[in-house]
C-alpha atoms as a PDB file:
ATOM      1  CA  UNK A   1      98.079  97.923 101.638  1.00  0.00           C
ATOM      2  CA  UNK A   2      97.361  94.398 102.778  1.00  0.00           C
ATOM      3  CA  UNK A   3      94.163  92.396 102.440  1.00  0.00           C
ATOM      4  CA  UNK A   4      93.203  92.903 106.092  1.00  0.00           C
ATOM      5  CA  UNK A   5      93.563  96.665 105.724  1.00  0.00           C
ATOM      6  CA  UNK A   6      91.467  96.678 102.545  1.00  0.00           C
ATOM      7  CA  UNK A   7      88.700  94.671 104.229  1.00  0.00           C
ATOM      8  CA  UNK A   8      88.850  97.006 107.224  1.00  0.00           C
ATOM      9  CA  UNK A   9      88.624 100.039 104.965  1.00  0.00           C
ATOM     10  CA  UNK A  10      85.586  98.546 103.201  1.00  0.00           C
ATOM     11  CA  UNK A  11      83.907  97.957 106.580  1.00  0.00           C
ATOM     12  CA  UNK A  12      84.647 101.515 107.668  1.00  0.00           C
ATOM     13  CA  UNK A  13      83.134 102.830 104.437  1.00  0.00           C
ATOM     14  CA  UNK A  14      80.019 100.707 105.043  1.00  0.00           C
ATOM     15  CA  UNK A  15      79.792 102.116 108.561  1.00  0.00           C
ATOM     16  CA  UNK A  16      80.245 105.671 107.302  1.00  0.00           C
ATOM     17  CA  UNK A  17      77.512 105.228 104.709  1.00  0.00           C
ATOM     18  CA  UNK A  18      75.204 103.762 107.349  1.00  0.00           C
ATOM     19  CA  UNK A  19      75.866 106.728 109.663  1.00  0.00           C
ATOM     20  CA  UNK A  20      75.177 109.070 106.760  1.00  0.00           C
ATOM     21  CA  UNK A  21      71.840 107.391 106.152  1.00  0.00           C
ATOM     22  CA  UNK A  22      71.010 107.684 109.837  1.00  0.00           C
ATOM     23  CA  UNK A  23      71.956 111.366 109.901  1.00  0.00           C
ATOM     24  CA  UNK A  24      70.207 112.458 106.715  1.00  0.00           C
ATOM     25  CA  UNK A  25      67.206 110.139 106.499  1.00  0.00           C
ATOM     26  CA  UNK A  26      66.885 108.565 109.984  1.00  0.00           C
ATOM     27  CA  UNK A  27      67.218 105.171 108.316  1.00  0.00           C
ATOM     28  CA  UNK A  28      69.524 102.464 109.687  1.00  0.00           C
ATOM     29  CA  UNK A  29      70.302 100.227 106.714  1.00  0.00           C
ATOM     30  CA  UNK A  30      72.189  97.589 108.736  1.00  0.00           C
ATOM     31  CA  UNK A  31      69.347  97.292 111.238  1.00  0.00           C
ATOM     32  CA  UNK A  32      66.740  97.053 108.477  1.00  0.00           C
ATOM     33  CA  UNK A  33      68.675  94.322 106.632  1.00  0.00           C
ATOM     34  CA  UNK A  34      69.504  92.200 109.666  1.00  0.00           C
ATOM     35  CA  UNK A  35      66.326  92.595 111.747  1.00  0.00           C
ATOM     36  CA  UNK A  36      66.749  95.612 114.009  1.00  0.00           C
ATOM     37  CA  UNK A  37      69.504  97.123 116.091  1.00  0.00           C
ATOM     38  CA  UNK A  38      69.235  94.496 118.801  1.00  0.00           C
ATOM     39  CA  UNK A  39      69.444  91.521 116.406  1.00  0.00           C
ATOM     40  CA  UNK A  40      72.544  89.353 116.690  1.00  0.00           C
ATOM     41  CA  UNK A  41      73.644  89.835 113.065  1.00  0.00           C
ATOM     42  CA  UNK A  42      73.286  93.619 113.320  1.00  0.00           C
ATOM     43  CA  UNK A  43      75.460  93.641 116.400  1.00  0.00           C
ATOM     44  CA  UNK A  44      78.048  91.484 114.590  1.00  0.00           C
ATOM     45  CA  UNK A  45      78.138  93.945 111.681  1.00  0.00           C
ATOM     46  CA  UNK A  46      78.457  96.881 114.087  1.00  0.00           C
ATOM     47  CA  UNK A  47      81.302  95.095 115.899  1.00  0.00           C
ATOM     48  CA  UNK A  48      83.098  94.327 112.607  1.00  0.00           C
ATOM     49  CA  UNK A  49      82.814  97.974 111.568  1.00  0.00           C
ATOM     50  CA  UNK A  50      84.264  99.029 114.930  1.00  0.00           C
ATOM     51  CA  UNK A  51      87.179  96.581 114.611  1.00  0.00           C
ATOM     52  CA  UNK A  52      87.748  97.774 111.036  1.00  0.00           C
ATOM     53  CA  UNK A  53      87.887 101.343 112.332  1.00  0.00           C
ATOM     54  CA  UNK A  54      90.543 100.383 114.868  1.00  0.00           C
ATOM     55  CA  UNK A  55      92.624  98.699 112.179  1.00  0.00           C
ATOM     56  CA  UNK A  56      92.267 101.710 109.860  1.00  0.00           C
ATOM     57  CA  UNK A  57      93.415 103.942 112.684  1.00  0.00           C
ATOM     58  CA  UNK A  58      96.902 102.561 112.002  1.00  0.00           C
ATOM     59  CA  UNK A  59      96.632 103.722 108.379  1.00  0.00           C
ATOM     60  CA  UNK A  60      96.167 107.275 109.589  1.00  0.00           C
ATOM     61  CA  UNK A  61      99.642 107.367 111.124  1.00  0.00           C
ATOM     62  CA  UNK A  62     101.401 105.203 108.525  1.00  0.00           C
ATOM     63  CA  UNK A  63     103.937 107.091 106.366  1.00  0.00           C
ATOM     64  CA  UNK A  64     103.402 107.136 102.621  1.00  0.00           C
ATOM     65  CA  UNK A  65     105.306 104.335 100.905  1.00  0.00           C
ATOM     66  CA  UNK A  66     104.649 105.664  97.418  1.00  0.00           C
ATOM     67  CA  UNK A  67     106.758 108.789  97.836  1.00  0.00           C
ATOM     68  CA  UNK A  68     110.477 108.151  98.081  1.00  0.00           C
ATOM     69  CA  UNK A  69     112.460 111.353  98.627  1.00  0.00           C
ATOM     70  CA  UNK A  70     115.711 109.761  97.425  1.00  0.00           C
ATOM     71  CA  UNK A  71     114.134 108.771  94.119  1.00  0.00           C
ATOM     72  CA  UNK A  72     112.942 112.310  93.536  1.00  0.00           C
ATOM     73  CA  UNK A  73     116.430 113.718  94.160  1.00  0.00           C
ATOM     74  CA  UNK A  74     118.107 111.280  91.756  1.00  0.00           C
ATOM     75  CA  UNK A  75     116.232 112.850  88.904  1.00  0.00           C
ATOM     76  CA  UNK A  76     118.117 116.122  89.413  1.00  0.00           C
ATOM     77  CA  UNK A  77     121.414 114.723  90.672  1.00  0.00           C
ATOM     78  CA  UNK A  78     122.837 114.154  87.187  1.00  0.00           C
ATOM     79  CA  UNK A  79     121.408 116.761  84.833  1.00  0.00           C
ATOM     80  CA  UNK A  80     121.819 116.194  81.145  1.00  0.00           C
ATOM     81  CA  UNK A  81     123.117 119.335  79.427  1.00  0.00           C
ATOM     82  CA  UNK A  82     123.191 117.877  75.933  1.00  0.00           C
ATOM     83  CA  UNK A  83     121.885 120.104  73.211  1.00  0.00           C
ATOM     84  CA  UNK A  84     119.590 119.206  70.383  1.00  0.00           C
ATOM     85  CA  UNK A  85     122.589 119.184  68.003  1.00  0.00           C
ATOM     86  CA  UNK A  86     124.337 116.293  69.656  1.00  0.00           C
ATOM     87  CA  UNK A  87     126.500 115.549  72.622  1.00  0.00           C
ATOM     88  CA  UNK A  88     128.741 118.177  74.054  1.00  0.00           C
ATOM     89  CA  UNK A  89     132.462 117.504  73.717  1.00  0.00           C
ATOM     90  CA  UNK A  90     134.246 115.922  76.653  1.00  0.00           C
ATOM     91  CA  UNK A  91     137.065 118.354  77.419  1.00  0.00           C
ATOM     92  CA  UNK A  92     138.494 116.181  80.183  1.00  0.00           C
ATOM     93  CA  UNK A  93     139.714 113.669  77.608  1.00  0.00           C
ATOM     94  CA  UNK A  94     141.404 116.410  75.599  1.00  0.00           C
ATOM     95  CA  UNK A  95     143.054 117.815  78.719  1.00  0.00           C
ATOM     96  CA  UNK A  96     144.330 114.351  79.673  1.00  0.00           C
ATOM     97  CA  UNK A  97     145.704 113.841  76.161  1.00  0.00           C
ATOM     98  CA  UNK A  98     147.475 117.201  76.191  1.00  0.00           C
ATOM     99  CA  UNK A  99     149.013 116.396  79.592  1.00  0.00           C
ATOM    100  CA  UNK A 100     150.254 113.060  78.219  1.00  0.00           C
ATOM    101  CA  UNK A 101     151.794 114.847  75.199  1.00  0.00           C
ATOM    102  CA  UNK A 102     153.642 117.240  77.491  1.00  0.00           C
ATOM    103  CA  UNK A 103     154.950 114.338  79.564  1.00  0.00           C
ATOM    104  CA  UNK A 104     156.161 112.552  76.423  1.00  0.00           C
ATOM    105  CA  UNK A 105     157.950 115.661  75.140  1.00  0.00           C
ATOM    106  CA  UNK A 106     159.923 116.008  78.354  1.00  0.00           C
END
């Protein structure tokens, strides 16, 4: 997540908290800090929250980067069947050696 998206998310959270205050307590924190709803600074904050919401709208449809399906499958692609007593013998080497012995005898 880039810096612009983090700032946008912080603005959206501020807007959500402000709407929560309006809904539960009929108190507009942004308007009270910056001099009313019609004050220039309040309108700037409202506009920044709206722009932040539009930017965060892209996050809603963005696929998760943290989950990689190929990485999850690699974990099971090569299972380790070793026992607690040591490595299991490699029978392919013995089979190759026995085939070489047969070829040498002929």
